[in-house]
Protein backbone atom coordinates (compact mmCIF):
# COMPACT_ATOMS: atom_id res chain seq x y z
CA MET A 1 26.01 149.44 168.46
CA PRO A 2 28.26 146.58 167.41
CA ASP A 3 31.74 146.67 168.86
CA HIS A 4 34.52 145.45 166.56
CA THR A 5 37.33 145.66 169.11
CA ASN A 6 37.20 141.88 169.41
CA ASN A 7 39.11 141.72 166.12
CA ALA A 8 42.17 141.24 168.28
CA ILE A 9 45.26 139.25 167.34
CA PRO A 10 46.91 137.09 170.00
CA SER A 11 50.39 138.08 171.08
CA ALA A 12 53.34 135.89 170.11
CA ASP A 13 53.63 134.32 173.53
CA ALA A 14 49.90 133.83 174.13
CA PRO A 15 48.49 130.31 174.20
CA PHE A 16 46.86 129.34 170.89
CA ASN A 17 44.25 126.80 169.98
CA GLN A 18 42.11 126.14 166.94
CA HIS A 19 38.97 127.43 168.65
CA ALA A 20 40.48 130.59 170.13
CA THR A 21 37.99 133.42 170.49
CA SER A 22 40.36 136.34 169.92
CA TYR A 23 39.10 136.79 166.34
CA SER A 24 35.67 137.97 165.36
CA ASP A 25 33.64 136.17 162.73
CA ALA A 26 34.72 138.69 160.08
CA ALA A 27 38.42 138.27 160.85
CA LEU A 28 38.09 134.49 160.82
CA THR A 29 36.48 134.70 157.39
CA TRP A 30 39.51 136.57 156.10
CA LEU A 31 41.77 133.84 157.51
CA HIS A 32 39.65 131.01 156.08
CA ALA A 33 38.79 132.30 152.62
CA LEU A 34 38.99 129.38 150.23
CA PRO A 35 36.16 128.93 147.69
CA ASP A 36 32.89 127.66 149.11
CA ALA A 37 29.39 127.00 147.87
CA GLN A 38 27.90 130.40 148.73
CA THR A 39 30.25 133.36 149.11
CA ARG A 40 33.46 132.68 147.11
CA THR A 41 34.51 130.97 143.89
CA ASP A 42 37.79 130.13 142.14
CA LEU A 43 38.58 132.64 139.39
CA VAL A 44 40.19 130.00 137.16
CA GLY A 45 37.12 127.80 137.63
CA LEU A 46 34.96 130.54 136.10
CA GLU A 47 37.11 131.03 133.00
CA SER A 48 40.89 130.58 132.83
CA GLU A 49 41.70 133.20 130.18
CA PHE A 50 39.61 135.78 132.01
CA ALA A 51 41.35 134.89 135.29
CA ILE A 52 44.81 135.50 133.79
CA ARG A 53 43.86 138.81 132.22
CA CYS A 54 41.97 140.00 135.29
CA VAL A 55 44.83 139.26 137.71
CA HIS A 56 47.34 141.01 135.42
CA GLU A 57 45.14 144.11 135.41
CA LEU A 58 44.81 143.97 139.19
CA VAL A 59 48.50 143.69 139.99
CA ASP A 60 49.30 146.49 137.52
CA ASN A 61 46.85 148.66 139.47
CA ARG A 62 44.75 149.61 136.43
CA SER A 63 41.08 150.41 135.94
CA PHE A 64 39.35 148.00 133.58
CA GLU A 65 36.09 146.57 132.25
CA LEU A 66 36.35 142.91 131.28
CA PRO A 67 33.61 140.68 129.85
CA LEU A 68 33.04 137.33 131.54
CA GLN A 69 30.79 134.63 130.12
CA VAL A 70 29.91 131.71 132.36
CA SER A 71 27.33 128.94 132.38
CA HIS A 72 25.61 127.15 135.24
CA PRO A 73 26.57 126.84 138.10
CA GLY A 74 29.06 129.73 137.74
CA ASN A 75 26.36 132.08 136.50
CA GLU A 76 24.23 131.28 139.54
CA ARG A 77 27.11 132.19 141.85
CA LEU A 78 27.75 135.49 140.08
CA THR A 79 24.07 136.33 140.37
CA HIS A 80 24.28 135.67 144.11
CA PHE A 81 27.42 137.82 144.40
CA TYR A 82 25.74 140.63 142.48
CA PHE A 83 22.62 140.84 144.66
CA GLU A 84 24.44 140.14 147.94
CA SER A 85 27.02 142.89 147.33
CA ARG A 86 24.31 145.37 146.24
CA ASN A 87 22.26 144.65 149.35
CA ARG A 88 25.26 145.10 151.64
CA GLU A 89 26.23 148.38 150.02
CA ARG A 90 22.67 149.68 150.26
CA VAL A 91 22.19 148.64 153.90
CA PHE A 92 25.68 149.03 155.35
CA GLY A 93 27.29 151.44 152.89
CA THR A 94 30.24 149.11 152.33
CA LYS A 95 31.78 147.53 149.24
CA ASN A 96 32.21 143.82 149.96
CA LEU A 97 32.88 142.32 146.52
CA ALA A 98 36.57 141.54 146.06
CA ILE A 99 39.18 139.28 144.48
CA GLY A 100 41.71 137.74 146.87
CA TYR A 101 45.23 136.93 145.59
CA PRO A 102 47.60 135.13 146.24
CA TYR A 103 46.91 132.63 149.06
CA VAL A 104 48.98 131.50 152.02
CA ILE A 105 48.07 128.05 153.33
CA ALA A 106 49.84 127.32 156.60
CA ARG A 107 49.48 126.80 160.32
CA LEU A 108 50.24 130.01 162.24
CA GLY A 109 50.15 130.10 166.02
CA GLY A 110 47.54 127.36 166.21
CA TYR A 111 45.38 128.71 163.38
CA ASP A 112 44.90 126.83 160.11
CA VAL A 113 45.21 129.74 157.70
CA ASN A 114 43.90 129.79 154.12
CA ALA A 115 44.21 133.50 153.50
CA PRO A 116 44.66 135.85 150.53
CA LEU A 117 47.36 138.44 151.12
CA PHE A 118 45.47 141.25 149.37
CA LEU A 119 41.90 141.89 148.28
CA TRP A 120 41.01 144.06 145.28
CA GLN A 121 37.51 145.58 145.27
CA PHE A 122 35.58 145.44 142.01
CA GLN A 123 32.07 145.81 140.62
CA LEU A 124 29.94 143.20 138.89
CA GLU A 125 27.32 144.17 136.29
CA PRO A 126 24.98 141.89 134.32
CA HIS A 127 24.98 142.17 130.52
CA ALA A 128 21.96 143.93 129.05
CA GLN A 129 21.10 141.19 126.51
CA ASN A 130 23.02 138.00 127.38
CA THR A 131 22.05 136.38 130.67
CA ASP A 132 25.31 134.37 130.75
CA MET A 133 27.49 137.46 130.20
CA TRP A 134 28.82 139.74 132.94
CA LEU A 135 31.03 142.83 133.10
CA VAL A 136 33.75 142.88 135.74
CA GLN A 137 34.67 146.51 136.40
CA ARG A 138 37.27 148.25 138.49
CA ASN A 139 37.90 151.98 138.83
CA GLU A 140 39.97 154.39 140.91
CA ASN A 141 37.37 154.40 143.73
CA HIS A 142 37.86 150.68 144.37
CA LEU A 143 40.40 149.96 147.10
CA VAL A 144 43.12 147.38 147.58
CA THR A 145 42.96 146.04 151.12
CA PRO A 146 45.70 144.01 152.83
CA ASN A 147 44.56 140.99 154.80
CA TYR A 148 45.15 142.69 158.14
CA PRO A 149 44.23 139.70 160.36
CA PHE A 150 46.87 137.61 158.58
CA PHE A 151 49.58 140.29 158.59
CA HIS A 152 48.95 141.22 162.23
CA LEU A 153 49.15 137.59 163.27
CA LEU A 154 52.39 137.22 161.31
CA ASP A 155 53.86 140.33 162.97
CA ALA A 156 52.79 139.20 166.46
CA LEU A 157 54.43 135.80 166.02
CA HIS A 158 57.66 136.89 164.33
CA GLY A 159 58.16 140.55 165.32
CA THR A 160 57.98 141.72 161.68
CA ASP A 161 56.43 144.84 160.14
CA PHE A 162 54.43 143.31 157.29
CA SER A 163 51.25 145.08 158.43
CA THR A 164 52.86 148.51 158.09
CA ARG A 165 54.44 147.68 154.74
CA ALA A 166 51.19 146.33 153.34
CA GLN A 167 49.23 149.31 154.65
CA GLN A 168 51.64 151.78 153.06
CA LEU A 169 51.48 150.01 149.71
CA SER A 170 47.70 150.07 149.84
CA GLU A 171 47.15 153.64 151.03
CA GLN A 172 49.82 155.15 148.77
CA LYS A 173 48.52 153.10 145.81
CA ASN A 174 51.99 151.70 145.20
CA LEU A 175 50.98 148.06 145.05
CA ASN A 176 52.20 146.89 141.65
CA ALA A 177 53.62 143.63 140.28
CA ARG A 178 57.09 144.26 141.68
CA ALA A 179 55.92 145.34 145.15
CA LEU A 180 53.51 142.41 145.36
CA SER A 181 56.25 139.95 144.38
CA GLU A 182 58.61 141.35 147.01
CA ILE A 183 56.17 141.19 149.91
CA CYS A 184 54.99 137.70 148.89
CA GLU A 185 58.58 136.47 148.68
CA GLY A 186 59.26 137.93 152.11
CA VAL A 187 56.32 136.03 153.59
CA ARG A 188 57.32 132.83 151.76
CA LEU A 189 60.90 132.93 153.05
CA LEU A 190 59.85 133.82 156.59
CA LEU A 191 57.42 130.90 156.83
CA GLY A 192 59.41 128.49 154.65
CA LEU A 193 56.47 127.98 152.28
CA GLU A 194 56.45 125.79 149.21
CA GLU A 195 55.43 127.71 146.09
CA ASP A 196 52.54 126.59 143.90
CA GLY A 197 53.21 128.00 140.43
CA LEU A 198 55.45 130.79 139.20
CA PRO A 199 55.29 134.24 140.84
CA LEU A 200 52.32 136.31 139.58
CA SER A 201 50.90 133.34 137.69
CA VAL A 202 47.27 132.28 138.15
CA GLN A 203 46.64 128.78 139.51
CA SER A 204 43.48 126.95 140.43
CA ALA A 205 42.55 127.41 144.07
CA PRO A 206 42.99 124.29 146.19
CA THR A 207 39.94 122.53 147.55
CA ILE A 208 39.32 122.30 151.28
CA GLU A 209 40.69 118.74 151.28
CA GLU A 210 43.83 119.73 149.33
CA ALA A 211 44.42 122.69 151.65
CA GLN A 212 44.36 120.40 154.67
CA ALA A 213 47.18 118.38 153.10
CA TYR A 214 49.22 121.55 152.54
CA ILE A 215 48.71 123.05 156.01
CA MET A 216 51.61 121.46 157.88
CA LYS A 217 54.30 122.11 155.24
CA GLY A 218 52.85 125.46 154.26
CA ARG A 219 52.26 126.72 150.75
CA LEU A 220 52.14 129.98 148.82
CA SER A 221 49.47 129.41 146.16
CA TRP A 222 49.13 131.86 143.28
CA ALA A 223 45.36 131.34 143.27
CA ALA A 224 42.72 134.04 142.85
CA VAL A 225 39.30 133.83 144.49
CA MET A 226 36.30 136.06 143.77
CA GLY A 227 33.52 136.62 146.26
CA VAL A 228 31.88 138.53 149.07
CA PHE A 229 34.19 139.34 151.98
CA PRO A 230 32.76 140.87 155.19
CA THR A 231 33.80 144.37 156.14
CA LEU A 232 36.68 144.32 158.58
CA PRO A 233 37.99 147.30 160.57
CA ARG A 234 41.70 147.92 160.10
CA THR A 235 42.72 147.12 163.64
CA THR A 236 46.26 147.07 164.94
CA ILE A 237 45.34 145.61 168.32
CA THR A 238 47.60 142.67 169.11
CA GLN A 239 45.97 141.69 172.40
CA PRO A 240 42.33 141.68 173.50
CA PRO A 241 41.49 144.95 175.30
CA VAL A 242 41.10 144.75 179.07
CA VAL A 243 38.69 147.11 180.82
CA ALA A 244 39.49 147.58 184.50
CA PRO A 245 36.42 147.81 186.77
CA ASP A 246 37.91 150.91 188.42
CA LEU A 247 38.68 152.65 185.11
CA ALA A 248 38.62 156.39 185.70
CA SER A 249 35.78 158.44 184.24
CA ASP A 250 35.41 162.17 183.66
CA ALA A 251 32.18 162.63 185.62
CA ASP A 252 33.21 166.13 186.76
CA ALA A 253 33.56 167.29 183.15
CA TRP A 254 29.82 167.05 182.43
CA GLY A 255 27.97 170.31 183.03
CA HIS A 256 24.41 168.95 182.80
CA SER A 257 22.42 165.81 182.05
CA PHE A 258 19.73 167.20 179.75
CA SER A 259 18.88 166.42 176.18
CA LEU A 260 16.50 168.11 173.76
CA LEU A 261 14.80 164.73 173.30
CA ALA A 262 12.33 163.57 175.95
CA LEU A 263 13.66 160.61 177.97
CA ASP A 264 11.85 158.32 180.38
CA PRO A 265 13.60 157.44 183.68
CA SER A 266 15.13 154.23 182.30
CA GLN A 267 16.60 156.10 179.32
CA ARG A 268 17.86 158.89 181.52
CA ALA A 269 19.48 156.29 183.78
CA VAL A 270 21.61 155.33 180.77
CA LEU A 271 22.59 158.97 180.28
CA HIS A 272 23.61 159.28 183.94
CA ALA A 273 25.58 156.02 183.75
CA MET A 274 27.40 157.30 180.65
CA GLN A 275 28.46 160.42 182.54
CA ARG A 276 29.56 158.54 185.67
CA ASN A 277 31.40 155.59 184.13
CA ALA A 278 34.21 155.20 181.64
CA LEU A 279 32.39 152.29 179.96
CA THR A 280 28.66 151.62 179.78
CA VAL A 281 27.06 148.67 177.96
CA VAL A 282 23.37 148.94 177.06
CA GLU A 283 21.27 146.16 175.54
CA GLY A 284 17.81 146.45 174.04
CA ALA A 285 15.58 144.42 171.79
CA SER A 286 14.46 145.65 168.38
CA GLY A 287 12.07 148.59 168.62
CA THR A 288 12.97 149.59 172.19
CA GLY A 289 14.36 152.98 171.16
CA LYS A 290 18.12 152.41 170.96
CA THR A 291 18.55 154.75 167.98
CA TYR A 292 16.48 157.43 169.71
CA LEU A 293 18.54 157.06 172.89
CA ILE A 294 21.82 157.24 170.96
CA SER A 295 20.64 160.51 169.42
CA ALA A 296 19.76 161.88 172.87
CA LEU A 297 23.14 160.86 174.28
CA THR A 298 24.89 162.51 171.34
CA ILE A 299 22.94 165.76 171.76
CA ASN A 300 23.78 165.83 175.45
CA ALA A 301 27.46 165.17 174.79
CA LEU A 302 27.65 167.88 172.11
CA ALA A 303 25.91 170.30 174.47
CA ASN A 304 28.61 169.49 177.03
CA GLU A 305 31.35 170.33 174.48
CA LYS A 306 32.26 166.68 173.86
CA LYS A 307 33.26 165.04 170.59
CA CYS A 308 31.21 162.02 169.55
CA LEU A 309 31.76 159.08 167.22
CA VAL A 310 28.72 156.89 166.57
CA VAL A 311 29.49 153.66 164.70
CA SER A 312 26.99 151.28 163.16
CA LYS A 313 27.01 148.42 160.65
CA SER A 314 23.89 149.96 159.08
CA ILE A 315 24.05 153.28 157.23
CA ASN A 316 20.26 153.58 157.60
CA SER A 317 20.57 153.45 161.40
CA LEU A 318 23.04 156.32 161.30
CA ARG A 319 20.70 158.32 159.10
CA ARG A 320 17.80 157.77 161.50
CA ALA A 321 19.96 158.86 164.42
CA GLN A 322 21.13 161.97 162.60
CA LYS A 323 17.53 162.86 161.70
CA PHE A 324 16.87 163.61 165.40
CA LEU A 325 19.98 165.80 165.52
CA LEU A 326 18.89 167.71 162.43
CA GLU A 327 15.44 168.32 163.91
CA LYS A 328 17.01 169.76 167.07
CA GLY A 329 19.41 172.11 165.28
CA PHE A 330 22.61 170.04 165.39
CA GLY A 331 22.86 169.65 161.63
CA ASP A 332 25.96 171.83 161.27
CA VAL A 333 27.98 169.71 163.70
CA SER A 334 26.97 166.20 162.63
CA PHE A 335 28.26 164.29 159.61
CA ILE A 336 27.80 160.78 158.22
CA LEU A 337 30.80 159.00 156.70
CA ARG A 338 30.21 155.87 154.62
CA ASP A 339 33.90 155.34 153.91
CA THR A 340 36.64 156.94 156.00
CA LEU A 341 39.06 156.97 153.10
CA SER A 342 37.01 158.10 150.12
CA ASP A 343 34.90 160.59 152.13
CA GLN A 344 37.80 162.51 153.66
CA MET A 345 37.66 165.41 151.20
CA MET A 346 33.90 165.70 151.59
CA LEU A 347 34.24 165.80 155.38
CA ALA A 348 36.90 168.52 155.18
CA ASP A 349 34.64 170.65 152.98
CA MET A 350 31.68 170.16 155.32
CA LEU A 351 33.76 171.08 158.39
CA ARG A 352 35.11 174.16 156.63
CA MET A 353 31.62 175.25 155.66
CA ALA A 354 30.31 174.70 159.17
CA ALA A 355 33.16 176.75 160.66
CA ASP A 356 32.52 179.62 158.25
CA ASN A 357 28.79 179.66 158.97
CA LYS A 358 29.05 179.30 162.73
CA ASN A 359 26.83 181.82 164.50
CA LYS A 360 28.03 183.44 167.69
CA VAL A 361 25.78 182.66 170.66
CA ILE A 362 25.10 185.21 173.39
CA TYR A 363 25.66 183.36 176.66
CA ASP A 364 24.73 184.59 180.16
CA GLU A 365 26.31 182.25 182.72
CA GLU A 366 24.19 183.44 185.66
CA LEU A 367 20.98 183.04 183.71
CA TYR A 368 22.10 179.57 182.62
CA LYS A 369 22.77 178.46 186.21
CA SER A 370 19.42 179.79 187.37
CA ILE A 371 17.51 177.94 184.65
CA LEU A 372 19.58 174.79 185.25
CA ASN A 373 18.78 174.70 188.99
CA LYS A 374 15.10 175.28 188.33
CA THR A 375 15.01 172.54 185.74
CA LEU A 376 16.77 170.08 188.06
CA ARG A 377 14.12 170.68 190.71
CA GLU A 378 11.36 170.05 188.17
CA GLN A 379 13.07 166.90 187.02
CA ARG A 380 13.20 165.48 190.54
CA LYS A 381 9.47 166.18 190.97
CA LEU A 382 8.68 164.38 187.73
CA ASP A 383 10.83 161.41 188.73
CA ASP A 384 9.00 161.13 192.06
CA ALA A 385 5.63 161.33 190.31
CA TRP A 386 6.68 158.64 187.82
């Protein structure tokens, strides 16, 4: 299971360098998000009138459907965006197509930052008859996401609360033209940035070479960039996590080490390690049974009255893991969330339904202990035979 806790932001007094490893690849992409040949393109470069109208609709927080006609090579890029975003949504269950606006170009704590302050999700659809025509759509299910790596870095360096302000504007859907202008002006004044264009205008995005010339003085560029942005957890960690080797575990809180799925000794060794240690790292090549083992660990934890959160970049992996739980009768207590924000109501309904349908189980403690001791003896015999 991929661990995203390395999306950590250095503290204000930590040593910085251009090749610091405290950001993950996804976070670095959000900090270095100028147009490139594959994943992002300048909105004005596609079509200037469309760019102006689109940005005005975005900052006014409205749903829209706008036509966009482009020729080569812009059409080729949109085709790539369309298929790439569809593939990511199908495999990972995430919406990765977004428009970033406006851009801060500056050096912050040793990082050369070319970062949009906010990203607006949208949907791209090809026209039914015209191969050069596209529909750019946005509805109430598309989110506005602050650039958390940038805002967290800003807060860590200057002791500000831009992350909280941006998060509130996003989650409460209060990000409008006025609110956007205010937070951008606050960032500009704090960093002493030069301003490229009038507030809420739409300028051409700088090239990589132009951005390098702006880095030292710093610039707020009212540029808009369309493209595929990797999914990034909303982390508020300001320092890399440190795991002590003597971190306490709750080994005494586990009643048994059995699962309804058959495990070989190496797999069961992982289960025992999970119960003894506060942190266990397991590696395995493709096809070695990691998804199966995760399902077994989850069943055991649920049977020991634990709460479990299984995280994966692939929605299909989660579905395969849950399939084992469903087959073993854990369907009422397992749920898959594709999006923690939009699926909240669905989760609440599922939990309510599960609570209402919960069957009372007749439990005989003495009988349980007797069967448990007998099973442990059989397990030791099998291990010796193996």
